[in-house]
Amino acid sequence: YAAGLITAEDFVYIDAGTTTERMIDYIANRQAVF
């Protein structure tokens, strides 16, 4: 669900953690900057 909130225009911070790590597999908008 969290990964689905990311859009192509976003500048995103991802904190260390096991759930945040799982987000990465579901990120579809890879034009965002992290």
PDB file of all heavy atoms in Angstrom:
ATOM      1  N   TYR A   1       0.845  -1.208   0.000  1.00  0.00           N
ATOM      2  CA  TYR A   1       0.000   0.000   0.000  1.00  0.00           C
ATOM      3  C   TYR A   1       0.880   1.258   0.000  1.00  0.00           C
ATOM      4  O   TYR A   1       0.639   2.199  -0.758  1.00  0.00           O
ATOM      5  CB  TYR A   1      -0.919  -0.004   1.215  1.00  0.00           C
ATOM      6  CG  TYR A   1      -1.860   1.178   1.257  1.00  0.00           C
ATOM      7  CD1 TYR A   1      -3.130   1.103   0.691  1.00  0.00           C
ATOM      8  CD2 TYR A   1      -1.467   2.384   1.835  1.00  0.00           C
ATOM      9  CE1 TYR A   1      -3.987   2.191   0.705  1.00  0.00           C
ATOM     10  CE2 TYR A   1      -2.312   3.478   1.852  1.00  0.00           C
ATOM     11  CZ  TYR A   1      -3.568   3.380   1.286  1.00  0.00           C
ATOM     12  OH  TYR A   1      -4.417   4.466   1.305  1.00  0.00           O
ATOM     13  N   ALA A   2       1.876   1.275   0.867  1.00  0.00           N
ATOM     14  CA  ALA A   2       2.747   2.446   0.973  1.00  0.00           C
ATOM     15  C   ALA A   2       3.452   2.732  -0.345  1.00  0.00           C
ATOM     16  O   ALA A   2       3.538   3.892  -0.782  1.00  0.00           O
ATOM     17  CB  ALA A   2       3.767   2.227   2.084  1.00  0.00           C
ATOM     18  N   ALA A   3       3.943   1.705  -1.005  1.00  0.00           N
ATOM     19  CA  ALA A   3       4.643   1.886  -2.281  1.00  0.00           C
ATOM     20  C   ALA A   3       3.727   2.495  -3.332  1.00  0.00           C
ATOM     21  O   ALA A   3       4.168   3.277  -4.187  1.00  0.00           O
ATOM     22  CB  ALA A   3       5.188   0.551  -2.769  1.00  0.00           C
ATOM     23  N   GLY A   4       2.454   2.164  -3.260  1.00  0.00           N
ATOM     24  CA  GLY A   4       1.484   2.693  -4.218  1.00  0.00           C
ATOM     25  C   GLY A   4       1.218   4.180  -4.073  1.00  0.00           C
ATOM     26  O   GLY A   4       0.608   4.798  -4.960  1.00  0.00           O
ATOM     27  N   LEU A   5       1.669   4.782  -2.984  1.00  0.00           N
ATOM     28  CA  LEU A   5       1.475   6.221  -2.763  1.00  0.00           C
ATOM     29  C   LEU A   5       2.524   7.069  -3.487  1.00  0.00           C
ATOM     30  O   LEU A   5       2.368   8.271  -3.618  1.00  0.00           O
ATOM     31  CB  LEU A   5       1.541   6.532  -1.258  1.00  0.00           C
ATOM     32  CG  LEU A   5       0.478   5.871  -0.376  1.00  0.00           C
ATOM     33  CD1 LEU A   5       0.778   6.160   1.094  1.00  0.00           C
ATOM     34  CD2 LEU A   5      -0.915   6.391  -0.738  1.00  0.00           C
ATOM     35  N   ILE A   6       3.573   6.430  -3.960  1.00  0.00           N
ATOM     36  CA  ILE A   6       4.683   7.158  -4.588  1.00  0.00           C
ATOM     37  C   ILE A   6       4.370   7.445  -6.050  1.00  0.00           C
ATOM     38  O   ILE A   6       3.979   6.554  -6.806  1.00  0.00           O
ATOM     39  CB  ILE A   6       5.986   6.341  -4.477  1.00  0.00           C
ATOM     40  CG1 ILE A   6       6.367   6.160  -3.003  1.00  0.00           C
ATOM     41  CG2 ILE A   6       7.123   7.019  -5.237  1.00  0.00           C
ATOM     42  CD1 ILE A   6       7.529   5.215  -2.782  1.00  0.00           C
ATOM     43  N   THR A   7       4.545   8.702  -6.439  1.00  0.00           N
ATOM     44  CA  THR A   7       4.342   9.115  -7.830  1.00  0.00           C
ATOM     45  C   THR A   7       5.682   9.465  -8.467  1.00  0.00           C
ATOM     46  O   THR A   7       6.706   9.593  -7.774  1.00  0.00           O
ATOM     47  CB  THR A   7       3.410  10.336  -7.916  1.00  0.00           C
ATOM     48  OG1 THR A   7       4.085  11.474  -7.340  1.00  0.00           O
ATOM     49  CG2 THR A   7       2.105  10.086  -7.161  1.00  0.00           C
ATOM     50  N   ALA A   8       5.662   9.646  -9.768  1.00  0.00           N
ATOM     51  CA  ALA A   8       6.901   9.916 -10.508  1.00  0.00           C
ATOM     52  C   ALA A   8       7.557  11.225 -10.083  1.00  0.00           C
ATOM     53  O   ALA A   8       8.780  11.379 -10.189  1.00  0.00           O
ATOM     54  CB  ALA A   8       6.597   9.941 -12.007  1.00  0.00           C
ATOM     55  N   GLU A   9       6.763  12.166  -9.595  1.00  0.00           N
ATOM     56  CA  GLU A   9       7.296  13.487  -9.246  1.00  0.00           C
ATOM     57  C   GLU A   9       7.818  13.572  -7.818  1.00  0.00           C
ATOM     58  O   GLU A   9       8.327  14.617  -7.402  1.00  0.00           O
ATOM     59  CB  GLU A   9       6.207  14.554  -9.427  1.00  0.00           C
ATOM     60  CG  GLU A   9       5.729  14.748 -10.856  1.00  0.00           C
ATOM     61  CD  GLU A   9       4.749  13.659 -11.295  1.00  0.00           C
ATOM     62  OE1 GLU A   9       4.132  13.037 -10.401  1.00  0.00           O
ATOM     63  OE2 GLU A   9       4.629  13.419 -12.505  1.00  0.00           O
ATOM     64  N   ASP A  10       7.703  12.511  -7.045  1.00  0.00           N
ATOM     65  CA  ASP A  10       8.037  12.580  -5.627  1.00  0.00           C
ATOM     66  C   ASP A  10       9.535  12.557  -5.354  1.00  0.00           C
ATOM     67  O   ASP A  10      10.322  11.923  -6.073  1.00  0.00           O
ATOM     68  CB  ASP A  10       7.385  11.420  -4.861  1.00  0.00           C
ATOM     69  CG  ASP A  10       5.929  11.703  -4.524  1.00  0.00           C
ATOM     70  OD1 ASP A  10       5.627  12.860  -4.172  1.00  0.00           O
ATOM     71  OD2 ASP A  10       5.110  10.766  -4.588  1.00  0.00           O
ATOM     72  N   PHE A  11       9.907  13.246  -4.278  1.00  0.00           N
ATOM     73  CA  PHE A  11      11.251  13.190  -3.699  1.00  0.00           C
ATOM     74  C   PHE A  11      11.063  12.511  -2.349  1.00  0.00           C
ATOM     75  O   PHE A  11      10.515  13.099  -1.421  1.00  0.00           O
ATOM     76  CB  PHE A  11      11.826  14.598  -3.555  1.00  0.00           C
ATOM     77  CG  PHE A  11      13.243  14.635  -3.061  1.00  0.00           C
ATOM     78  CD1 PHE A  11      14.198  13.741  -3.516  1.00  0.00           C
ATOM     79  CD2 PHE A  11      13.635  15.589  -2.135  1.00  0.00           C
ATOM     80  CE1 PHE A  11      15.508  13.787  -3.069  1.00  0.00           C
ATOM     81  CE2 PHE A  11      14.946  15.647  -1.680  1.00  0.00           C
ATOM     82  CZ  PHE A  11      15.883  14.744  -2.149  1.00  0.00           C
ATOM     83  N   VAL A  12      11.499  11.268  -2.228  1.00  0.00           N
ATOM     84  CA  VAL A  12      11.050  10.368  -1.158  1.00  0.00           C
ATOM     85  C   VAL A  12      12.159  10.030  -0.172  1.00  0.00           C
ATOM     86  O   VAL A  12      13.282   9.691  -0.573  1.00  0.00           O
ATOM     87  CB  VAL A  12      10.516   9.045  -1.764  1.00  0.00           C
ATOM     88  CG1 VAL A  12       9.982   8.126  -0.660  1.00  0.00           C
ATOM     89  CG2 VAL A  12       9.443   9.324  -2.804  1.00  0.00           C
ATOM     90  N   TYR A  13      11.817  10.083   1.115  1.00  0.00           N
ATOM     91  CA  TYR A  13      12.717   9.577   2.142  1.00  0.00           C
ATOM     92  C   TYR A  13      12.216   8.211   2.600  1.00  0.00           C
ATOM     93  O   TYR A  13      11.030   8.042   2.901  1.00  0.00           O
ATOM     94  CB  TYR A  13      12.772  10.511   3.350  1.00  0.00           C
ATOM     95  CG  TYR A  13      13.737  10.017   4.409  1.00  0.00           C
ATOM     96  CD1 TYR A  13      15.107  10.216   4.267  1.00  0.00           C
ATOM     97  CD2 TYR A  13      13.290   9.326   5.533  1.00  0.00           C
ATOM     98  CE1 TYR A  13      16.002   9.753   5.203  1.00  0.00           C
ATOM     99  CE2 TYR A  13      14.182   8.846   6.478  1.00  0.00           C
ATOM    100  CZ  TYR A  13      15.539   9.066   6.321  1.00  0.00           C
ATOM    101  OH  TYR A  13      16.423   8.589   7.252  1.00  0.00           O
ATOM    102  N   ILE A  14      13.118   7.223   2.647  1.00  0.00           N
ATOM    103  CA  ILE A  14      12.778   5.897   3.148  1.00  0.00           C
ATOM    104  C   ILE A  14      13.685   5.564   4.322  1.00  0.00           C
ATOM    105  O   ILE A  14      14.902   5.432   4.169  1.00  0.00           O
ATOM    106  CB  ILE A  14      12.885   4.810   2.054  1.00  0.00           C
ATOM    107  CG1 ILE A  14      11.943   5.136   0.888  1.00  0.00           C
ATOM    108  CG2 ILE A  14      12.538   3.447   2.644  1.00  0.00           C
ATOM    109  CD1 ILE A  14      11.903   4.058  -0.185  1.00  0.00           C
ATOM    110  N   ASP A  15      13.089   5.442   5.476  1.00  0.00           N
ATOM    111  CA  ASP A  15      13.785   5.155   6.716  1.00  0.00           C
ATOM    112  C   ASP A  15      14.269   3.703   6.755  1.00  0.00           C
ATOM    113  O   ASP A  15      13.683   2.826   6.114  1.00  0.00           O
ATOM    114  CB  ASP A  15      12.793   5.405   7.867  1.00  0.00           C
ATOM    115  CG  ASP A  15      13.393   5.209   9.239  1.00  0.00           C
ATOM    116  OD1 ASP A  15      14.577   5.532   9.425  1.00  0.00           O
ATOM    117  OD2 ASP A  15      12.665   4.751  10.134  1.00  0.00           O
ATOM    118  N   ALA A  16      15.329   3.438   7.510  1.00  0.00           N
ATOM    119  CA  ALA A  16      15.761   2.064   7.726  1.00  0.00           C
ATOM    120  C   ALA A  16      14.662   1.279   8.431  1.00  0.00           C
ATOM    121  O   ALA A  16      13.927   1.821   9.250  1.00  0.00           O
ATOM    122  CB  ALA A  16      17.044   2.048   8.567  1.00  0.00           C
ATOM    123  N   GLY A  17      14.526  -0.002   8.101  1.00  0.00           N
ATOM    124  CA  GLY A  17      13.504  -0.823   8.740  1.00  0.00           C
ATOM    125  C   GLY A  17      13.086  -1.975   7.857  1.00  0.00           C
ATOM    126  O   GLY A  17      13.294  -1.941   6.631  1.00  0.00           O
ATOM    127  N   THR A  18      12.495  -2.982   8.454  1.00  0.00           N
ATOM    128  CA  THR A  18      12.133  -4.176   7.685  1.00  0.00           C
ATOM    129  C   THR A  18      10.899  -3.964   6.817  1.00  0.00           C
ATOM    130  O   THR A  18      10.821  -4.496   5.706  1.00  0.00           O
ATOM    131  CB  THR A  18      11.906  -5.369   8.626  1.00  0.00           C
ATOM    132  OG1 THR A  18      10.926  -5.029   9.617  1.00  0.00           O
ATOM    133  CG2 THR A  18      13.200  -5.745   9.341  1.00  0.00           C
ATOM    134  N   THR A  19       9.932  -3.186   7.297  1.00  0.00           N
ATOM    135  CA  THR A  19       8.732  -2.938   6.490  1.00  0.00           C
ATOM    136  C   THR A  19       9.032  -1.948   5.376  1.00  0.00           C
ATOM    137  O   THR A  19       8.571  -2.113   4.239  1.00  0.00           O
ATOM    138  CB  THR A  19       7.570  -2.427   7.352  1.00  0.00           C
ATOM    139  OG1 THR A  19       7.409  -3.283   8.491  1.00  0.00           O
ATOM    140  CG2 THR A  19       6.263  -2.424   6.552  1.00  0.00           C
ATOM    141  N   THR A  20       9.829  -0.930   5.672  1.00  0.00           N
ATOM    142  CA  THR A  20      10.209   0.028   4.623  1.00  0.00           C
ATOM    143  C   THR A  20      11.027  -0.666   3.544  1.00  0.00           C
ATOM    144  O   THR A  20      10.928  -0.327   2.361  1.00  0.00           O
ATOM    145  CB  THR A  20      10.992   1.208   5.212  1.00  0.00           C
ATOM    146  OG1 THR A  20      12.088   0.720   6.010  1.00  0.00           O
ATOM    147  CG2 THR A  20      10.098   2.096   6.075  1.00  0.00           C
ATOM    148  N   GLU A  21      11.836  -1.642   3.932  1.00  0.00           N
ATOM    149  CA  GLU A  21      12.610  -2.386   2.938  1.00  0.00           C
ATOM    150  C   GLU A  21      11.683  -3.150   1.986  1.00  0.00           C
ATOM    151  O   GLU A  21      11.923  -3.209   0.771  1.00  0.00           O
ATOM    152  CB  GLU A  21      13.554  -3.375   3.615  1.00  0.00           C
ATOM    153  CG  GLU A  21      14.397  -4.171   2.626  1.00  0.00           C
ATOM    154  CD  GLU A  21      15.247  -5.239   3.292  1.00  0.00           C
ATOM    155  OE1 GLU A  21      15.010  -5.550   4.470  1.00  0.00           O
ATOM    156  OE2 GLU A  21      16.137  -5.776   2.610  1.00  0.00           O
ATOM    157  N   ARG A  22      10.613  -3.720   2.513  1.00  0.00           N
ATOM    158  CA  ARG A  22       9.678  -4.481   1.674  1.00  0.00           C
ATOM    159  C   ARG A  22       8.984  -3.589   0.653  1.00  0.00           C
ATOM    160  O   ARG A  22       8.562  -4.049  -0.403  1.00  0.00           O
ATOM    161  CB  ARG A  22       8.626  -5.162   2.545  1.00  0.00           C
ATOM    162  CG  ARG A  22       9.181  -6.319   3.367  1.00  0.00           C
ATOM    163  CD  ARG A  22       8.139  -6.804   4.369  1.00  0.00           C
ATOM    164  NE  ARG A  22       8.734  -7.733   5.303  1.00  0.00           N
ATOM    165  CZ  ARG A  22       8.535  -9.039   5.300  1.00  0.00           C
ATOM    166  NH1 ARG A  22       7.739  -9.567   4.394  1.00  0.00           N
ATOM    167  NH2 ARG A  22       9.097  -9.824   6.191  1.00  0.00           N
ATOM    168  N   MET A  23       8.845  -2.299   0.964  1.00  0.00           N
ATOM    169  CA  MET A  23       8.233  -1.349   0.034  1.00  0.00           C
ATOM    170  C   MET A  23       8.912  -1.371  -1.330  1.00  0.00           C
ATOM    171  O   MET A  23       8.262  -1.219  -2.368  1.00  0.00           O
ATOM    172  CB  MET A  23       8.357   0.086   0.569  1.00  0.00           C
ATOM    173  CG  MET A  23       7.363   0.535   1.592  1.00  0.00           C
ATOM    174  SD  MET A  23       7.717   2.262   2.001  1.00  0.00           S
ATOM    175  CE  MET A  23       7.469   3.055   0.412  1.00  0.00           C
ATOM    176  N   ILE A  24      10.229  -1.503  -1.301  1.00  0.00           N
ATOM    177  CA  ILE A  24      11.022  -1.317  -2.512  1.00  0.00           C
ATOM    178  C   ILE A  24      10.609  -2.282  -3.617  1.00  0.00           C
ATOM    179  O   ILE A  24      10.585  -1.930  -4.806  1.00  0.00           O
ATOM    180  CB  ILE A  24      12.524  -1.433  -2.180  1.00  0.00           C
ATOM    181  CG1 ILE A  24      12.913  -0.334  -1.176  1.00  0.00           C
ATOM    182  CG2 ILE A  24      13.370  -1.328  -3.445  1.00  0.00           C
ATOM    183  CD1 ILE A  24      14.298  -0.499  -0.565  1.00  0.00           C
ATOM    184  N   ASP A  25      10.249  -3.500  -3.256  1.00  0.00           N
ATOM    185  CA  ASP A  25       9.819  -4.490  -4.251  1.00  0.00           C
ATOM    186  C   ASP A  25       8.529  -4.085  -4.963  1.00  0.00           C
ATOM    187  O   ASP A  25       8.247  -4.569  -6.056  1.00  0.00           O
ATOM    188  CB  ASP A  25       9.609  -5.849  -3.582  1.00  0.00           C
ATOM    189  CG  ASP A  25      10.918  -6.487  -3.146  1.00  0.00           C
ATOM    190  OD1 ASP A  25      11.942  -6.236  -3.804  1.00  0.00           O
ATOM    191  OD2 ASP A  25      10.907  -7.217  -2.134  1.00  0.00           O
ATOM    192  N   TYR A  26       7.745  -3.211  -4.330  1.00  0.00           N
ATOM    193  CA  TYR A  26       6.439  -2.835  -4.879  1.00  0.00           C
ATOM    194  C   TYR A  26       6.420  -1.447  -5.517  1.00  0.00           C
ATOM    195  O   TYR A  26       5.372  -1.004  -5.999  1.00  0.00           O
ATOM    196  CB  TYR A  26       5.377  -2.893  -3.772  1.00  0.00           C
ATOM    197  CG  TYR A  26       5.217  -4.253  -3.153  1.00  0.00           C
ATOM    198  CD1 TYR A  26       5.533  -4.470  -1.817  1.00  0.00           C
ATOM    199  CD2 TYR A  26       4.762  -5.340  -3.897  1.00  0.00           C
ATOM    200  CE1 TYR A  26       5.375  -5.722  -1.229  1.00  0.00           C
ATOM    201  CE2 TYR A  26       4.609  -6.595  -3.325  1.00  0.00           C
ATOM    202  CZ  TYR A  26       4.919  -6.775  -1.992  1.00  0.00           C
ATOM    203  OH  TYR A  26       4.772  -8.021  -1.422  1.00  0.00           O
ATOM    204  N   ILE A  27       7.541  -0.756  -5.518  1.00  0.00           N
ATOM    205  CA  ILE A  27       7.578   0.598  -6.092  1.00  0.00           C
ATOM    206  C   ILE A  27       7.492   0.520  -7.610  1.00  0.00           C
ATOM    207  O   ILE A  27       8.363  -0.053  -8.269  1.00  0.00           O
ATOM    208  CB  ILE A  27       8.848   1.349  -5.657  1.00  0.00           C
ATOM    209  CG1 ILE A  27       8.807   1.620  -4.152  1.00  0.00           C
ATOM    210  CG2 ILE A  27       8.977   2.665  -6.422  1.00  0.00           C
ATOM    211  CD1 ILE A  27      10.085   2.219  -3.593  1.00  0.00           C
ATOM    212  N   ALA A  28       6.431   1.103  -8.153  1.00  0.00           N
ATOM    213  CA  ALA A  28       6.214   1.077  -9.603  1.00  0.00           C
ATOM    214  C   ALA A  28       6.762   2.346 -10.267  1.00  0.00           C
ATOM    215  O   ALA A  28       7.281   2.295 -11.377  1.00  0.00           O
ATOM    216  CB  ALA A  28       4.726   0.932  -9.905  1.00  0.00           C
ATOM    217  N   ASN A  29       6.630   3.489  -9.591  1.00  0.00           N
ATOM    218  CA  ASN A  29       7.090   4.759 -10.159  1.00  0.00           C
ATOM    219  C   ASN A  29       8.562   4.966  -9.833  1.00  0.00           C
ATOM    220  O   ASN A  29       8.929   5.602  -8.840  1.00  0.00           O
ATOM    221  CB  ASN A  29       6.252   5.917  -9.590  1.00  0.00           C
ATOM    222  CG  ASN A  29       4.879   5.958 -10.214  1.00  0.00           C
ATOM    223  OD1 ASN A  29       4.745   6.177 -11.414  1.00  0.00           O
ATOM    224  ND2 ASN A  29       3.849   5.738  -9.410  1.00  0.00           N
ATOM    225  N   ARG A  30       9.407   4.422 -10.685  1.00  0.00           N
ATOM    226  CA  ARG A  30      10.843   4.475 -10.422  1.00  0.00           C
ATOM    227  C   ARG A  30      11.495   5.748 -10.928  1.00  0.00           C
ATOM    228  O   ARG A  30      12.713   5.904 -10.863  1.00  0.00           O
ATOM    229  CB  ARG A  30      11.504   3.220 -11.004  1.00  0.00           C
ATOM    230  CG  ARG A  30      11.018   1.971 -10.281  1.00  0.00           C
ATOM    231  CD  ARG A  30      11.514   0.685 -10.865  1.00  0.00           C
ATOM    232  NE  ARG A  30      10.919  -0.453 -10.152  1.00  0.00           N
ATOM    233  CZ  ARG A  30      11.056  -1.712 -10.500  1.00  0.00           C
ATOM    234  NH1 ARG A  30      11.772  -2.017 -11.578  1.00  0.00           N
ATOM    235  NH2 ARG A  30      10.489  -2.682  -9.808  1.00  0.00           N
ATOM    236  N   GLN A  31      10.665   6.669 -11.429  1.00  0.00           N
ATOM    237  CA  GLN A  31      11.194   7.970 -11.821  1.00  0.00           C
ATOM    238  C   GLN A  31      11.364   8.872 -10.593  1.00  0.00           C
ATOM    239  O   GLN A  31      12.029   9.910 -10.664  1.00  0.00           O
ATOM    240  CB  GLN A  31      10.260   8.661 -12.827  1.00  0.00           C
ATOM    241  CG  GLN A  31      10.074   7.906 -14.131  1.00  0.00           C
ATOM    242  CD  GLN A  31       8.931   6.895 -14.049  1.00  0.00           C
ATOM    243  OE1 GLN A  31       8.420   6.609 -12.971  1.00  0.00           O
ATOM    244  NE2 GLN A  31       8.536   6.363 -15.208  1.00  0.00           N
ATOM    245  N   ALA A  32      10.725   8.497  -9.487  1.00  0.00           N
ATOM    246  CA  ALA A  32      10.886   9.261  -8.252  1.00  0.00           C
ATOM    247  C   ALA A  32      12.343   9.201  -7.796  1.00  0.00           C
ATOM    248  O   ALA A  32      13.080   8.281  -8.148  1.00  0.00           O
ATOM    249  CB  ALA A  32       9.968   8.701  -7.168  1.00  0.00           C
ATOM    250  N   VAL A  33      12.752  10.190  -7.004  1.00  0.00           N
ATOM    251  CA  VAL A  33      14.112  10.228  -6.463  1.00  0.00           C
ATOM    252  C   VAL A  33      14.036   9.868  -4.980  1.00  0.00           C
ATOM    253  O   VAL A  33      13.138  10.321  -4.267  1.00  0.00           O
ATOM    254  CB  VAL A  33      14.751  11.618  -6.652  1.00  0.00           C
ATOM    255  CG1 VAL A  33      16.144  11.661  -6.026  1.00  0.00           C
ATOM    256  CG2 VAL A  33      14.813  11.969  -8.135  1.00  0.00           C
ATOM    257  N   PHE A  34      14.993   9.061  -4.503  1.00  0.00           N
ATOM    258  CA  PHE A  34      14.941   8.534  -3.146  1.00  0.00           C
ATOM    259  C   PHE A  34      16.167   8.915  -2.339  1.00  0.00           C
ATOM    260  O   PHE A  34      17.283   9.009  -2.864  1.00  0.00           O
ATOM    261  CB  PHE A  34      14.831   7.005  -3.191  1.00  0.00           C
ATOM    262  CG  PHE A  34      13.585   6.508  -3.867  1.00  0.00           C
ATOM    263  CD1 PHE A  34      13.562   6.320  -5.251  1.00  0.00           C
ATOM    264  CD2 PHE A  34      12.436   6.238  -3.140  1.00  0.00           C
ATOM    265  CE1 PHE A  34      12.412   5.867  -5.888  1.00  0.00           C
ATOM    266  CE2 PHE A  34      11.294   5.789  -3.764  1.00  0.00           C
ATOM    267  CZ  PHE A  34      11.272   5.604  -5.145  1.00  0.00           C
TER     268      PHE A  34
END
